[in-house]
Amino acid sequence: MKNILWIILGTLSVSVVLIIGFVFDLLGWMLYLVFGLVIIGIYWLTTGRKQQ
């Protein structure tokens, strides 16, 4: 019984670590996307105003 419990605990901890890593990876990508969009928006606004 103890072995089964340890296996369940091990798999749970590994899956939790993987899920946390995946979520943080997604958050990182979202931050990069938002940062890129903000830079593109500022660049577009500045160039658009210069053309006018």
N, C-alpha and C. Protein backbone atom coordinates (compact mmCIF):
# COMPACT_ATOMS: atom_id res chain seq x y z
N MET A 1 0.83 -1.22 0.00
CA MET A 1 0.00 0.00 0.00
C MET A 1 0.86 1.26 0.00
N LYS A 2 1.92 1.23 0.81
CA LYS A 2 2.77 2.43 0.89
C LYS A 2 3.42 2.74 -0.46
N ASN A 3 3.82 1.70 -1.17
CA ASN A 3 4.44 1.92 -2.48
C ASN A 3 3.47 2.61 -3.44
N ILE A 4 2.22 2.16 -3.44
CA ILE A 4 1.20 2.75 -4.32
C ILE A 4 1.00 4.23 -3.96
N LEU A 5 0.96 4.52 -2.65
CA LEU A 5 0.79 5.91 -2.20
C LEU A 5 1.95 6.76 -2.68
N TRP A 6 3.18 6.23 -2.55
CA TRP A 6 4.36 6.99 -2.99
C TRP A 6 4.32 7.24 -4.49
N ILE A 7 3.90 6.22 -5.26
CA ILE A 7 3.80 6.37 -6.72
C ILE A 7 2.78 7.46 -7.06
N ILE A 8 1.63 7.43 -6.38
CA ILE A 8 0.58 8.44 -6.63
C ILE A 8 1.10 9.83 -6.27
N LEU A 9 1.77 9.94 -5.11
CA LEU A 9 2.31 11.24 -4.69
C LEU A 9 3.36 11.73 -5.69
N GLY A 10 4.20 10.82 -6.14
CA GLY A 10 5.25 11.19 -7.11
C GLY A 10 4.66 11.71 -8.41
N THR A 11 3.69 10.96 -8.94
CA THR A 11 3.08 11.38 -10.21
C THR A 11 2.34 12.70 -10.04
N LEU A 12 1.67 12.88 -8.91
CA LEU A 12 0.94 14.13 -8.66
C LEU A 12 1.91 15.31 -8.60
N SER A 13 3.01 15.14 -7.85
CA SER A 13 3.97 16.24 -7.72
C SER A 13 4.59 16.57 -9.07
N VAL A 14 4.92 15.54 -9.86
CA VAL A 14 5.51 15.77 -11.18
C VAL A 14 4.52 16.49 -12.09
N SER A 15 3.25 16.05 -12.07
CA SER A 15 2.24 16.68 -12.92
C SER A 15 1.99 18.13 -12.49
N VAL A 16 2.00 18.37 -11.18
CA VAL A 16 1.80 19.75 -10.68
C VAL A 16 2.95 20.64 -11.15
N VAL A 17 4.18 20.12 -11.04
CA VAL A 17 5.35 20.89 -11.48
C VAL A 17 5.25 21.18 -12.98
N LEU A 18 4.85 20.17 -13.76
CA LEU A 18 4.73 20.35 -15.20
C LEU A 18 3.65 21.37 -15.53
N ILE A 19 2.51 21.30 -14.84
CA ILE A 19 1.41 22.23 -15.08
C ILE A 19 1.84 23.66 -14.73
N ILE A 20 2.54 23.81 -13.59
CA ILE A 20 3.00 25.14 -13.17
C ILE A 20 3.98 25.69 -14.21
N GLY A 21 4.91 24.82 -14.67
CA GLY A 21 5.87 25.24 -15.69
C GLY A 21 5.16 25.65 -16.97
N PHE A 22 4.15 24.88 -17.37
CA PHE A 22 3.40 25.16 -18.59
C PHE A 22 2.68 26.50 -18.47
N VAL A 23 2.04 26.74 -17.30
CA VAL A 23 1.29 27.99 -17.08
C VAL A 23 2.24 29.18 -17.11
N PHE A 24 3.41 29.02 -16.45
CA PHE A 24 4.37 30.12 -16.43
C PHE A 24 4.91 30.37 -17.84
N ASP A 25 5.10 29.29 -18.62
CA ASP A 25 5.55 29.43 -20.00
C ASP A 25 4.51 30.21 -20.80
N LEU A 26 3.23 29.87 -20.62
CA LEU A 26 2.15 30.58 -21.31
C LEU A 26 2.13 32.05 -20.90
N LEU A 27 2.29 32.31 -19.59
CA LEU A 27 2.30 33.69 -19.10
C LEU A 27 3.45 34.45 -19.72
N GLY A 28 4.61 33.80 -19.84
CA GLY A 28 5.77 34.44 -20.46
C GLY A 28 5.47 34.82 -21.90
N TRP A 29 4.86 33.87 -22.65
CA TRP A 29 4.52 34.15 -24.03
C TRP A 29 3.50 35.28 -24.13
N MET A 30 2.52 35.30 -23.21
CA MET A 30 1.51 36.36 -23.21
C MET A 30 2.17 37.71 -22.96
N LEU A 31 3.11 37.74 -22.00
CA LEU A 31 3.82 38.99 -21.70
C LEU A 31 4.59 39.46 -22.92
N TYR A 32 5.28 38.52 -23.61
CA TYR A 32 6.03 38.89 -24.81
C TYR A 32 5.09 39.43 -25.88
N LEU A 33 3.92 38.78 -26.05
CA LEU A 33 2.94 39.23 -27.05
C LEU A 33 2.45 40.63 -26.73
N VAL A 34 2.08 40.86 -25.45
CA VAL A 34 1.57 42.18 -25.04
C VAL A 34 2.65 43.23 -25.23
N PHE A 35 3.89 42.90 -24.84
CA PHE A 35 5.02 43.83 -24.97
C PHE A 35 5.24 44.18 -26.45
N GLY A 36 5.21 43.16 -27.30
CA GLY A 36 5.39 43.38 -28.73
C GLY A 36 4.27 44.24 -29.31
N LEU A 37 3.04 43.96 -28.90
CA LEU A 37 1.90 44.73 -29.40
C LEU A 37 1.99 46.19 -28.96
N VAL A 38 2.43 46.41 -27.73
CA VAL A 38 2.57 47.78 -27.22
C VAL A 38 3.63 48.52 -28.04
N ILE A 39 4.77 47.85 -28.30
CA ILE A 39 5.84 48.48 -29.09
C ILE A 39 5.33 48.80 -30.50
N ILE A 40 4.63 47.83 -31.11
CA ILE A 40 4.09 48.04 -32.46
C ILE A 40 3.08 49.19 -32.45
N GLY A 41 2.24 49.24 -31.40
CA GLY A 41 1.25 50.32 -31.30
C GLY A 41 1.90 51.68 -31.18
N ILE A 42 2.93 51.79 -30.33
CA ILE A 42 3.63 53.08 -30.16
C ILE A 42 4.30 53.48 -31.47
N TYR A 43 4.97 52.50 -32.12
CA TYR A 43 5.65 52.76 -33.39
C TYR A 43 4.66 53.23 -34.45
N TRP A 44 3.49 52.54 -34.51
CA TRP A 44 2.46 52.87 -35.49
C TRP A 44 1.92 54.27 -35.23
N LEU A 45 1.69 54.61 -33.95
CA LEU A 45 1.16 55.94 -33.61
C LEU A 45 2.16 57.03 -33.99
N THR A 46 3.44 56.82 -33.67
CA THR A 46 4.44 57.86 -33.96
C THR A 46 4.62 58.03 -35.45
N THR A 47 4.70 56.93 -36.22
CA THR A 47 4.90 57.06 -37.67
C THR A 47 3.64 57.60 -38.32
N GLY A 48 2.47 57.22 -37.83
CA GLY A 48 1.21 57.70 -38.39
C GLY A 48 1.08 59.20 -38.23
N ARG A 49 1.48 59.72 -37.07
CA ARG A 49 1.39 61.16 -36.82
C ARG A 49 2.39 61.93 -37.67
N LYS A 50 3.57 61.33 -37.90
CA LYS A 50 4.58 62.01 -38.72
C LYS A 50 4.11 62.13 -40.16
N GLN A 51 3.44 61.09 -40.67
CA GLN A 51 2.97 61.11 -42.06
C GLN A 51 1.89 62.17 -42.25
N GLN A 52 1.07 62.38 -41.23
CA GLN A 52 0.02 63.39 -41.33
C GLN A 52 0.65 64.78 -41.27
